PDB file of N, CA and C in Angstrom:
ATOM      1  N   MET A   1      61.906  60.837 112.961  1.00  0.00           N
ATOM      2  CA  MET A   1      63.047  61.625 113.378  1.00  0.00           C
ATOM      3  C   MET A   1      62.971  63.004 112.738  1.00  0.00           C
ATOM      4  N   THR A   2      63.107  64.023 113.540  1.00  0.00           N
ATOM      5  CA  THR A   2      63.056  65.389 113.029  1.00  0.00           C
ATOM      6  C   THR A   2      64.424  66.034 113.181  1.00  0.00           C
ATOM      7  N   LEU A   3      64.734  66.891 112.249  1.00  0.00           N
ATOM      8  CA  LEU A   3      65.995  67.622 112.283  1.00  0.00           C
ATOM      9  C   LEU A   3      65.841  68.890 113.117  1.00  0.00           C
ATOM     10  N   PRO A   4      66.874  69.265 113.856  1.00  0.00           N
ATOM     11  CA  PRO A   4      66.778  70.512 114.613  1.00  0.00           C
ATOM     12  C   PRO A   4      66.721  71.715 113.676  1.00  0.00           C
ATOM     13  N   ALA A   5      66.082  72.745 114.143  1.00  0.00           N
ATOM     14  CA  ALA A   5      65.965  73.965 113.349  1.00  0.00           C
ATOM     15  C   ALA A   5      67.342  74.599 113.163  1.00  0.00           C
ATOM     16  N   LEU A   6      67.564  75.132 111.989  1.00  0.00           N
ATOM     17  CA  LEU A   6      68.828  75.802 111.704  1.00  0.00           C
ATOM     18  C   LEU A   6      68.770  77.236 112.218  1.00  0.00           C
ATOM     19  N   THR A   7      69.827  77.660 112.825  1.00  0.00           N
ATOM     20  CA  THR A   7      69.907  79.054 113.260  1.00  0.00           C
ATOM     21  C   THR A   7      71.082  79.705 112.556  1.00  0.00           C
ATOM     22  N   LEU A   8      70.872  80.886 112.075  1.00  0.00           N
ATOM     23  CA  LEU A   8      71.913  81.637 111.391  1.00  0.00           C
ATOM     24  C   LEU A   8      72.592  82.583 112.370  1.00  0.00           C
ATOM     25  N   PRO A   9      73.905  82.726 112.250  1.00  0.00           N
ATOM     26  CA  PRO A   9      74.588  83.663 113.142  1.00  0.00           C
ATOM     27  C   PRO A   9      74.164  85.092 112.837  1.00  0.00           C
ATOM     28  N   ASP A  10      74.215  85.915 113.851  1.00  0.00           N
ATOM     29  CA  ASP A  10      73.834  87.318 113.711  1.00  0.00           C
ATOM     30  C   ASP A  10      75.067  88.138 113.333  1.00  0.00           C
ATOM     31  N   PHE A  11      75.114  88.611 112.088  1.00  0.00           N
ATOM     32  CA  PHE A  11      76.200  89.476 111.634  1.00  0.00           C
ATOM     33  C   PHE A  11      75.707  90.913 111.687  1.00  0.00           C
ATOM     34  N   SER A  12      76.134  91.612 112.695  1.00  0.00           N
ATOM     35  CA  SER A  12      75.680  92.989 112.834  1.00  0.00           C
ATOM     36  C   SER A  12      76.457  93.889 111.885  1.00  0.00           C
ATOM     37  N   LEU A  13      75.911  95.045 111.624  1.00  0.00           N
ATOM     38  CA  LEU A  13      76.546  96.007 110.738  1.00  0.00           C
ATOM     39  C   LEU A  13      77.692  96.749 111.403  1.00  0.00           C
ATOM     40  N   VAL A  14      77.925  96.505 112.682  1.00  0.00           N
ATOM     41  CA  VAL A  14      78.989  97.199 113.401  1.00  0.00           C
ATOM     42  C   VAL A  14      80.352  96.910 112.777  1.00  0.00           C
ATOM     43  N   SER A  15      80.581  95.659 112.302  1.00  0.00           N
ATOM     44  CA  SER A  15      81.877  95.311 111.715  1.00  0.00           C
ATOM     45  C   SER A  15      82.129  96.079 110.420  1.00  0.00           C
ATOM     46  N   GLN A  16      81.076  96.520 109.734  1.00  0.00           N
ATOM     47  CA  GLN A  16      81.247  97.276 108.500  1.00  0.00           C
ATOM     48  C   GLN A  16      81.561  98.739 108.769  1.00  0.00           C
ATOM     49  N   ASP A  17      81.415  99.190 110.015  1.00  0.00           N
ATOM     50  CA  ASP A  17      81.680 100.578 110.345  1.00  0.00           C
ATOM     51  C   ASP A  17      83.150 100.853 110.631  1.00  0.00           C
ATOM     52  N   ARG A  18      83.973  99.812 110.608  1.00  0.00           N
ATOM     53  CA  ARG A  18      85.394 100.003 110.863  1.00  0.00           C
ATOM     54  C   ARG A  18      86.025 100.841 109.772  1.00  0.00           C
ATOM     55  N   PRO A  19      87.039 101.652 110.114  1.00  0.00           N
ATOM     56  CA  PRO A  19      87.710 102.433 109.077  1.00  0.00           C
ATOM     57  C   PRO A  19      88.497 101.523 108.142  1.00  0.00           C
ATOM     58  N   VAL A  20      88.621 101.941 106.900  1.00  0.00           N
ATOM     59  CA  VAL A  20      89.366 101.190 105.903  1.00  0.00           C
ATOM     60  C   VAL A  20      90.856 101.323 106.223  1.00  0.00           C
ATOM     61  N   PRO A  21      91.604 100.204 106.275  1.00  0.00           N
ATOM     62  CA  PRO A  21      93.023 100.308 106.595  1.00  0.00           C
ATOM     63  C   PRO A  21      93.789 101.065 105.519  1.00  0.00           C
ATOM     64  N   THR A  22      94.872 101.696 105.926  1.00  0.00           N
ATOM     65  CA  THR A  22      95.698 102.422 104.967  1.00  0.00           C
ATOM     66  C   THR A  22      96.982 101.648 104.724  1.00  0.00           C
ATOM     67  N   GLU A  23      97.482 101.749 103.520  1.00  0.00           N
ATOM     68  CA  GLU A  23      98.731 101.111 103.149  1.00  0.00           C
ATOM     69  C   GLU A  23      99.618 102.172 102.504  1.00  0.00           C
ATOM     70  N   ALA A  24     100.918 102.035 102.688  1.00  0.00           N
ATOM     71  CA  ALA A  24     101.851 102.948 102.022  1.00  0.00           C
ATOM     72  C   ALA A  24     101.931 102.539 100.559  1.00  0.00           C
ATOM     73  N   ALA A  25     101.673 103.475  99.666  1.00  0.00           N
ATOM     74  CA  ALA A  25     101.736 103.207  98.233  1.00  0.00           C
ATOM     75  C   ALA A  25     102.816 104.082  97.622  1.00  0.00           C
ATOM     76  N   ALA A  26     103.330 103.624  96.500  1.00  0.00           N
ATOM     77  CA  ALA A  26     104.442 104.332  95.879  1.00  0.00           C
ATOM     78  C   ALA A  26     104.365 104.211  94.367  1.00  0.00           C
ATOM     79  N   ASP A  27     105.216 104.990  93.722  1.00  0.00           N
ATOM     80  CA  ASP A  27     105.413 104.883  92.290  1.00  0.00           C
ATOM     81  C   ASP A  27     106.410 103.744  92.090  1.00  0.00           C
ATOM     82  N   VAL A  28     106.021 102.721  91.335  1.00  0.00           N
ATOM     83  CA  VAL A  28     106.820 101.510  91.203  1.00  0.00           C
ATOM     84  C   VAL A  28     107.212 101.313  89.745  1.00  0.00           C
ATOM     85  N   ARG A  29     108.485 100.972  89.529  1.00  0.00           N
ATOM     86  CA  ARG A  29     108.974 100.680  88.182  1.00  0.00           C
ATOM     87  C   ARG A  29     109.539  99.264  88.139  1.00  0.00           C
ATOM     88  N   TYR A  30     109.192  98.550  87.095  1.00  0.00           N
ATOM     89  CA  TYR A  30     109.712  97.214  86.853  1.00  0.00           C
ATOM     90  C   TYR A  30     110.552  97.252  85.582  1.00  0.00           C
ATOM     91  N   LEU A  31     111.754  96.699  85.647  1.00  0.00           N
ATOM     92  CA  LEU A  31     112.588  96.518  84.468  1.00  0.00           C
ATOM     93  C   LEU A  31     112.738  95.011  84.289  1.00  0.00           C
ATOM     94  N   ILE A  32     112.229  94.516  83.173  1.00  0.00           N
ATOM     95  CA  ILE A  32     112.110  93.079  82.958  1.00  0.00           C
ATOM     96  C   ILE A  32     112.864  92.689  81.697  1.00  0.00           C
ATOM     97  N   ARG A  33     113.592  91.592  81.782  1.00  0.00           N
ATOM     98  CA  ARG A  33     114.226  91.000  80.600  1.00  0.00           C
ATOM     99  C   ARG A  33     113.611  89.618  80.424  1.00  0.00           C
ATOM    100  N   ALA A  34     113.110  89.370  79.215  1.00  0.00           N
ATOM    101  CA  ALA A  34     112.450  88.097  78.935  1.00  0.00           C
ATOM    102  C   ALA A  34     112.839  87.595  77.557  1.00  0.00           C
ATOM    103  N   GLU A  35     112.699  86.293  77.387  1.00  0.00           N
ATOM    104  CA  GLU A  35     112.901  85.701  76.073  1.00  0.00           C
ATOM    105  C   GLU A  35     111.796  86.180  75.148  1.00  0.00           C
ATOM    106  N   ILE A  36     112.091  86.227  73.857  1.00  0.00           N
ATOM    107  CA  ILE A  36     111.068  86.602  72.890  1.00  0.00           C
ATOM    108  C   ILE A  36     109.972  85.538  72.916  1.00  0.00           C
ATOM    109  N   ASP A  37     108.780  85.980  73.243  1.00  0.00           N
ATOM    110  CA  ASP A  37     107.623  85.093  73.327  1.00  0.00           C
ATOM    111  C   ASP A  37     106.406  85.918  72.904  1.00  0.00           C
ATOM    112  N   ALA A  38     105.572  85.329  72.086  1.00  0.00           N
ATOM    113  CA  ALA A  38     104.446  86.078  71.515  1.00  0.00           C
ATOM    114  C   ALA A  38     103.494  86.628  72.563  1.00  0.00           C
ATOM    115  N   ASP A  39     103.343  85.958  73.704  1.00  0.00           N
ATOM    116  CA  ASP A  39     102.353  86.408  74.682  1.00  0.00           C
ATOM    117  C   ASP A  39     102.953  86.911  75.992  1.00  0.00           C
ATOM    118  N   ILE A  40     104.237  87.194  76.020  1.00  0.00           N
ATOM    119  CA  ILE A  40     104.870  87.593  77.283  1.00  0.00           C
ATOM    120  C   ILE A  40     104.311  88.923  77.804  1.00  0.00           C
ATOM    121  N   LEU A  41     104.063  89.881  76.934  1.00  0.00           N
ATOM    122  CA  LEU A  41     103.508  91.160  77.408  1.00  0.00           C
ATOM    123  C   LEU A  41     102.119  90.966  78.019  1.00  0.00           C
ATOM    124  N   CYS A  42     101.307  90.138  77.397  1.00  0.00           N
ATOM    125  CA  CYS A  42      99.968  89.868  77.942  1.00  0.00           C
ATOM    126  C   CYS A  42     100.065  89.220  79.314  1.00  0.00           C
ATOM    127  N   ARG A  43     100.969  88.259  79.461  1.00  0.00           N
ATOM    128  CA  ARG A  43     101.098  87.562  80.743  1.00  0.00           C
ATOM    129  C   ARG A  43     101.628  88.497  81.828  1.00  0.00           C
ATOM    130  N   LEU A  44     102.544  89.388  81.480  1.00  0.00           N
ATOM    131  CA  LEU A  44     103.069  90.337  82.464  1.00  0.00           C
ATOM    132  C   LEU A  44     101.991  91.340  82.881  1.00  0.00           C
ATOM    133  N   LEU A  45     101.276  91.883  81.915  1.00  0.00           N
ATOM    134  CA  LEU A  45     100.223  92.860  82.223  1.00  0.00           C
ATOM    135  C   LEU A  45      99.068  92.224  82.987  1.00  0.00           C
ATOM    136  N   ASN A  46      98.848  90.949  82.778  1.00  0.00           N
ATOM    137  CA  ASN A  46      97.783  90.245  83.489  1.00  0.00           C
ATOM    138  C   ASN A  46      98.038  90.238  84.997  1.00  0.00           C
ATOM    139  N   GLN A  47      99.294  90.252  85.409  1.00  0.00           N
ATOM    140  CA  GLN A  47      99.611  90.286  86.835  1.00  0.00           C
ATOM    141  C   GLN A  47      99.044  91.539  87.502  1.00  0.00           C
ATOM    142  N   PHE A  48      99.030  92.649  86.778  1.00  0.00           N
ATOM    143  CA  PHE A  48      98.457  93.890  87.306  1.00  0.00           C
ATOM    144  C   PHE A  48      96.940  93.865  87.217  1.00  0.00           C
ATOM    145  N   ALA A  49      96.418  93.335  86.127  1.00  0.00           N
ATOM    146  CA  ALA A  49      94.965  93.279  85.946  1.00  0.00           C
ATOM    147  C   ALA A  49      94.306  92.447  87.041  1.00  0.00           C
ATOM    148  N   LEU A  50      94.950  91.363  87.449  1.00  0.00           N
ATOM    149  CA  LEU A  50      94.400  90.517  88.507  1.00  0.00           C
ATOM    150  C   LEU A  50      94.293  91.260  89.829  1.00  0.00           C
ATOM    151  N   GLN A  51      95.139  92.262  90.042  1.00  0.00           N
ATOM    152  CA  GLN A  51      95.122  93.051  91.269  1.00  0.00           C
ATOM    153  C   GLN A  51      94.325  94.348  91.115  1.00  0.00           C
ATOM    154  N   GLY A  52      93.783  94.609  89.914  1.00  0.00           N
ATOM    155  CA  GLY A  52      92.981  95.800  89.675  1.00  0.00           C
ATOM    156  C   GLY A  52      93.795  97.053  89.416  1.00  0.00           C
ATOM    157  N   HIS A  53      95.031  96.892  88.939  1.00  0.00           N
ATOM    158  CA  HIS A  53      95.894  98.043  88.653  1.00  0.00           C
ATOM    159  C   HIS A  53      96.168  98.126  87.157  1.00  0.00           C
ATOM    160  N   VAL A  54      96.313  99.354  86.665  1.00  0.00           N
ATOM    161  CA  VAL A  54      96.644  99.592  85.265  1.00  0.00           C
ATOM    162  C   VAL A  54      97.956 100.357  85.228  1.00  0.00           C
ATOM    163  N   PRO A  55      98.985  99.839  84.532  1.00  0.00           N
ATOM    164  CA  PRO A  55     100.253 100.562  84.449  1.00  0.00           C
ATOM    165  C   PRO A  55     100.080 101.926  83.796  1.00  0.00           C
ATOM    166  N   VAL A  56     100.862 102.894  84.278  1.00  0.00           N
ATOM    167  CA  VAL A  56     100.850 104.241  83.715  1.00  0.00           C
ATOM    168  C   VAL A  56     101.674 104.278  82.438  1.00  0.00           C
ATOM    169  N   GLU A  57     102.786 103.551  82.435  1.00  0.00           N
ATOM    170  CA  GLU A  57     103.666 103.486  81.266  1.00  0.00           C
ATOM    171  C   GLU A  57     104.064 102.040  81.004  1.00  0.00           C
ATOM    172  N   VAL A  58     104.112 101.690  79.720  1.00  0.00           N
ATOM    173  CA  VAL A  58     104.587 100.378  79.290  1.00  0.00           C
ATOM    174  C   VAL A  58     105.491 100.600  78.091  1.00  0.00           C
ATOM    175  N   GLY A  59     106.684 100.038  78.145  1.00  0.00           N
ATOM    176  CA  GLY A  59     107.607 100.152  77.023  1.00  0.00           C
ATOM    177  C   GLY A  59     108.325  98.837  76.817  1.00  0.00           C
ATOM    178  N   ALA A  60     108.558  98.484  75.552  1.00  0.00           N
ATOM    179  CA  ALA A  60     109.264  97.246  75.247  1.00  0.00           C
ATOM    180  C   ALA A  60     110.147  97.464  74.027  1.00  0.00           C
ATOM    181  N   SER A  61     111.330  96.862  74.080  1.00  0.00           N
ATOM    182  CA  SER A  61     112.217  96.916  72.923  1.00  0.00           C
ATOM    183  C   SER A  61     112.897  95.561  72.764  1.00  0.00           C
ATOM    184  N   ARG A  62     113.041  95.164  71.522  1.00  0.00           N
ATOM    185  CA  ARG A  62     113.640  93.872  71.207  1.00  0.00           C
ATOM    186  C   ARG A  62     115.124  94.058  70.958  1.00  0.00           C
ATOM    187  N   ARG A  63     115.945  93.266  71.635  1.00  0.00           N
ATOM    188  CA  ARG A  63     117.400  93.288  71.458  1.00  0.00           C
ATOM    189  C   ARG A  63     117.856  91.859  71.248  1.00  0.00           C
ATOM    190  N   GLU A  64     118.164  91.550  69.993  1.00  0.00           N
ATOM    191  CA  GLU A  64     118.551  90.208  69.576  1.00  0.00           C
ATOM    192  C   GLU A  64     117.503  89.197  70.025  1.00  0.00           C
ATOM    193  N   GLU A  65     117.829  88.301  70.943  1.00  0.00           N
ATOM    194  CA  GLU A  65     116.870  87.279  71.363  1.00  0.00           C
ATOM    195  C   GLU A  65     116.144  87.635  72.647  1.00  0.00           C
ATOM    196  N   TRP A  66     116.309  88.857  73.132  1.00  0.00           N
ATOM    197  CA  TRP A  66     115.694  89.288  74.391  1.00  0.00           C
ATOM    198  C   TRP A  66     114.696  90.406  74.157  1.00  0.00           C
ATOM    199  N   LEU A  67     113.747  90.502  75.067  1.00  0.00           N
ATOM    200  CA  LEU A  67     112.789  91.604  75.081  1.00  0.00           C
ATOM    201  C   LEU A  67     112.994  92.353  76.395  1.00  0.00           C
ATOM    202  N   ASP A  68     113.356  93.630  76.309  1.00  0.00           N
ATOM    203  CA  ASP A  68     113.511  94.474  77.492  1.00  0.00           C
ATOM    204  C   ASP A  68     112.219  95.259  77.678  1.00  0.00           C
ATOM    205  N   ILE A  69     111.621  95.106  78.861  1.00  0.00           N
ATOM    206  CA  ILE A  69     110.306  95.688  79.134  1.00  0.00           C
ATOM    207  C   ILE A  69     110.392  96.588  80.348  1.00  0.00           C
ATOM    208  N   ALA A  70     109.815  97.783  80.245  1.00  0.00           N
ATOM    209  CA  ALA A  70     109.743  98.716  81.367  1.00  0.00           C
ATOM    210  C   ALA A  70     108.273  98.993  81.659  1.00  0.00           C
ATOM    211  N   LEU A  71     107.884  98.808  82.920  1.00  0.00           N
ATOM    212  CA  LEU A  71     106.515  99.068  83.360  1.00  0.00           C
ATOM    213  C   LEU A  71     106.550 100.018  84.540  1.00  0.00           C
ATOM    214  N   ARG A  72     105.625 100.971  84.579  1.00  0.00           N
ATOM    215  CA  ARG A  72     105.517 101.876  85.730  1.00  0.00           C
ATOM    216  C   ARG A  72     104.073 101.904  86.187  1.00  0.00           C
ATOM    217  N   VAL A  73     103.900 101.731  87.498  1.00  0.00           N
ATOM    218  CA  VAL A  73     102.576 101.755  88.113  1.00  0.00           C
ATOM    219  C   VAL A  73     102.632 102.742  89.266  1.00  0.00           C
ATOM    220  N   ASN A  74     101.671 103.661  89.325  1.00  0.00           N
ATOM    221  CA  ASN A  74     101.648 104.585  90.466  1.00  0.00           C
ATOM    222  C   ASN A  74     100.624 104.108  91.486  1.00  0.00           C
ATOM    223  N   SER A  75     100.821 104.475  92.722  1.00  0.00           N
ATOM    224  CA  SER A  75      99.922 104.127  93.832  1.00  0.00           C
ATOM    225  C   SER A  75      99.785 102.622  94.035  1.00  0.00           C
ATOM    226  N   LEU A  76     100.889 101.917  93.974  1.00  0.00           N
ATOM    227  CA  LEU A  76     100.888 100.478  94.231  1.00  0.00           C
ATOM    228  C   LEU A  76     101.567 100.236  95.576  1.00  0.00           C
ATOM    229  N   PRO A  77     100.885  99.579  96.510  1.00  0.00           N
ATOM    230  CA  PRO A  77     101.515  99.285  97.797  1.00  0.00           C
ATOM    231  C   PRO A  77     102.772  98.434  97.606  1.00  0.00           C
ATOM    232  N   ARG A  78     103.786  98.698  98.405  1.00  0.00           N
ATOM    233  CA  ARG A  78     105.075  98.031  98.263  1.00  0.00           C
ATOM    234  C   ARG A  78     104.941  96.508  98.340  1.00  0.00           C
ATOM    235  N   TYR A  79     104.142  96.033  99.279  1.00  0.00           N
ATOM    236  CA  TYR A  79     103.984  94.594  99.418  1.00  0.00           C
ATOM    237  C   TYR A  79     103.433  93.969  98.136  1.00  0.00           C
ATOM    238  N   ARG A  80     102.414  94.593  97.557  1.00  0.00           N
ATOM    239  CA  ARG A  80     101.839  94.066  96.315  1.00  0.00           C
ATOM    240  C   ARG A  80     102.835  94.135  95.176  1.00  0.00           C
ATOM    241  N   ALA A  81     103.631  95.197  95.139  1.00  0.00           N
ATOM    242  CA  ALA A  81     104.659  95.325  94.105  1.00  0.00           C
ATOM    243  C   ALA A  81     105.655  94.174  94.192  1.00  0.00           C
ATOM    244  N   GLU A  82     106.047  93.818  95.405  1.00  0.00           N
ATOM    245  CA  GLU A  82     106.995  92.719  95.589  1.00  0.00           C
ATOM    246  C   GLU A  82     106.376  91.375  95.221  1.00  0.00           C
ATOM    247  N   VAL A  83     105.104  91.177  95.560  1.00  0.00           N
ATOM    248  CA  VAL A  83     104.414  89.932  95.205  1.00  0.00           C
ATOM    249  C   VAL A  83     104.325  89.793  93.689  1.00  0.00           C
ATOM    250  N   ILE A  84     103.975  90.871  93.001  1.00  0.00           N
ATOM    251  CA  ILE A  84     103.879  90.838  91.541  1.00  0.00           C
ATOM    252  C   ILE A  84     105.252  90.548  90.941  1.00  0.00           C
ATOM    253  N   ALA A  85     106.310  91.164  91.473  1.00  0.00           N
ATOM    254  CA  ALA A  85     107.664  90.918  90.971  1.00  0.00           C
ATOM    255  C   ALA A  85     108.032  89.441  91.128  1.00  0.00           C
ATOM    256  N   GLN A  86     107.701  88.847  92.260  1.00  0.00           N
ATOM    257  CA  GLN A  86     107.994  87.425  92.472  1.00  0.00           C
ATOM    258  C   GLN A  86     107.225  86.545  91.487  1.00  0.00           C
ATOM    259  N   ARG A  87     105.992  86.887  91.221  1.00  0.00           N
ATOM    260  CA  ARG A  87     105.210  86.107  90.256  1.00  0.00           C
ATOM    261  C   ARG A  87     105.802  86.219  88.861  1.00  0.00           C
ATOM    262  N   MET A  88     106.266  87.414  88.516  1.00  0.00           N
ATOM    263  CA  MET A  88     106.904  87.590  87.205  1.00  0.00           C
ATOM    264  C   MET A  88     108.177  86.760  87.113  1.00  0.00           C
ATOM    265  N   ARG A  89     108.963  86.761  88.182  1.00  0.00           N
ATOM    266  CA  ARG A  89     110.210  85.983  88.192  1.00  0.00           C
ATOM    267  C   ARG A  89     109.943  84.491  88.027  1.00  0.00           C
ATOM    268  N   GLY A  90     108.779  84.048  88.419  1.00  0.00           N
ATOM    269  CA  GLY A  90     108.418  82.646  88.295  1.00  0.00           C
ATOM    270  C   GLY A  90     107.955  82.239  86.906  1.00  0.00           C
ATOM    271  N   MET A  91     107.781  83.189  86.019  1.00  0.00           N
ATOM    272  CA  MET A  91     107.360  82.863  84.653  1.00  0.00           C
ATOM    273  C   MET A  91     108.521  82.235  83.893  1.00  0.00           C
ATOM    274  N   VAL A  92     108.200  81.252  83.071  1.00  0.00           N
ATOM    275  CA  VAL A  92     109.226  80.475  82.374  1.00  0.00           C
ATOM    276  C   VAL A  92     110.117  81.342  81.489  1.00  0.00           C
ATOM    277  N   SER A  93     109.570  82.233  80.700  1.00  0.00           N
ATOM    278  CA  SER A  93     110.369  82.989  79.744  1.00  0.00           C
ATOM    279  C   SER A  93     110.982  84.269  80.314  1.00  0.00           C
ATOM    280  N   VAL A  94     110.752  84.565  81.592  1.00  0.00           N
ATOM    281  CA  VAL A  94     111.316  85.773  82.209  1.00  0.00           C
ATOM    282  C   VAL A  94     112.698  85.465  82.766  1.00  0.00           C
ATOM    283  N   CYS A  95     113.676  86.261  82.353  1.00  0.00           N
ATOM    284  CA  CYS A  95     115.058  86.071  82.796  1.00  0.00           C
ATOM    285  C   CYS A  95     115.330  86.838  84.085  1.00  0.00           C
ATOM    286  N   SER A  96     114.904  88.115  84.139  1.00  0.00           N
ATOM    287  CA  SER A  96     115.144  88.920  85.336  1.00  0.00           C
ATOM    288  C   SER A  96     114.066  89.980  85.502  1.00  0.00           C
ATOM    289  N   VAL A  97     113.850  90.355  86.764  1.00  0.00           N
ATOM    290  CA  VAL A  97     112.904  91.424  87.107  1.00  0.00           C
ATOM    291  C   VAL A  97     113.577  92.301  88.150  1.00  0.00           C
ATOM    292  N   ASP A  98     113.781  93.573  87.813  1.00  0.00           N
ATOM    293  CA  ASP A  98     114.307  94.551  88.767  1.00  0.00           C
ATOM    294  C   ASP A  98     113.155  95.444  89.196  1.00  0.00           C
ATOM    295  N   LEU A  99     112.995  95.576  90.498  1.00  0.00           N
ATOM    296  CA  LEU A  99     111.918  96.376  91.064  1.00  0.00           C
ATOM    297  C   LEU A  99     112.498  97.632  91.685  1.00  0.00           C
ATOM    298  N   HIS A 100     111.979  98.802  91.314  1.00  0.00           N
ATOM    299  CA  HIS A 100     112.407 100.085  91.872  1.00  0.00           C
ATOM    300  C   HIS A 100     111.192 100.773  92.474  1.00  0.00           C
ATOM    301  N   VAL A 101     111.246 101.071  93.769  1.00  0.00           N
ATOM    302  CA  VAL A 101     110.131 101.697  94.474  1.00  0.00           C
ATOM    303  C   VAL A 101     110.548 103.096  94.885  1.00  0.00           C
ATOM    304  N   ASP A 102     109.755 104.104  94.483  1.00  0.00           N
ATOM    305  CA  ASP A 102     110.026 105.494  94.851  1.00  0.00           C
ATOM    306  C   ASP A 102     109.378 105.822  96.191  1.00  0.00           C
ATOM    307  N   GLU A 103     109.461 107.068  96.593  1.00  0.00           N
ATOM    308  CA  GLU A 103     108.940 107.551  97.869  1.00  0.00           C
ATOM    309  C   GLU A 103     107.489 107.140  98.093  1.00  0.00           C
ATOM    310  N   PRO A 104     107.181 106.468  99.211  1.00  0.00           N
ATOM    311  CA  PRO A 104     105.792 106.031  99.462  1.00  0.00           C
ATOM    312  C   PRO A 104     104.883 107.186  99.866  1.00  0.00           C
ATOM    313  N   ARG A 105     103.590 106.984  99.578  1.00  0.00           N
ATOM    314  CA  ARG A 105     102.539 107.910 100.003  1.00  0.00           C
ATOM    315  C   ARG A 105     101.496 107.068 100.719  1.00  0.00           C
ATOM    316  N   THR A 106     100.629 107.689 101.464  1.00  0.00           N
ATOM    317  CA  THR A 106      99.558 106.965 102.152  1.00  0.00           C
ATOM    318  C   THR A 106      98.296 107.074 101.312  1.00  0.00           C
ATOM    319  N   VAL A 107      97.699 105.923 101.012  1.00  0.00           N
ATOM    320  CA  VAL A 107      96.431 105.893 100.269  1.00  0.00           C
ATOM    321  C   VAL A 107      95.482 104.957 100.989  1.00  0.00           C
ATOM    322  N   ARG A 108      94.219 105.080 100.710  1.00  0.00           N
ATOM    323  CA  ARG A 108      93.236 104.181 101.310  1.00  0.00           C
ATOM    324  C   ARG A 108      93.158 102.907 100.490  1.00  0.00           C
ATOM    325  N   SER A 109      93.144 101.789 101.179  1.00  0.00           N
ATOM    326  CA  SER A 109      93.048 100.488 100.527  1.00  0.00           C
ATOM    327  C   SER A 109      91.594 100.184 100.222  1.00  0.00           C
ATOM    328  N   ALA A 110      91.373  99.457  99.141  1.00  0.00           N
ATOM    329  CA  ALA A 110      90.014  99.062  98.762  1.00  0.00           C
ATOM    330  C   ALA A 110      89.564  97.829  99.538  1.00  0.00           C
ATOM    331  N   THR A 111      90.486  97.190 100.255  1.00  0.00           N
ATOM    332  CA  THR A 111      90.122  95.979 100.996  1.00  0.00           C
ATOM    333  C   THR A 111      89.992  96.230 102.458  1.00  0.00           C
TER     334      THR A 111
END
């Protein structure tokens, strides 16, 4: 018994010539209140690192048993900003996340 020969599909380079889609990006600010936890800042910043973004500003202040954190990211598409906010809200020690999105701009997406 012989096996049939394998054939590979033909992926032409034409699909790579498509223009890169554009997304509306904006200056985004997060105001976060979380319980005091030794690694909360690392876990919050990791949400941006996973998406390939680096915050422009990071600030944190301790008030009694709470940590108030302010993060600002520029050129973040609104949809991604909302997804990151939802992920932050799902963290155990996070009490609240307020998302503020400024005027959008058009940027080229890397995807």
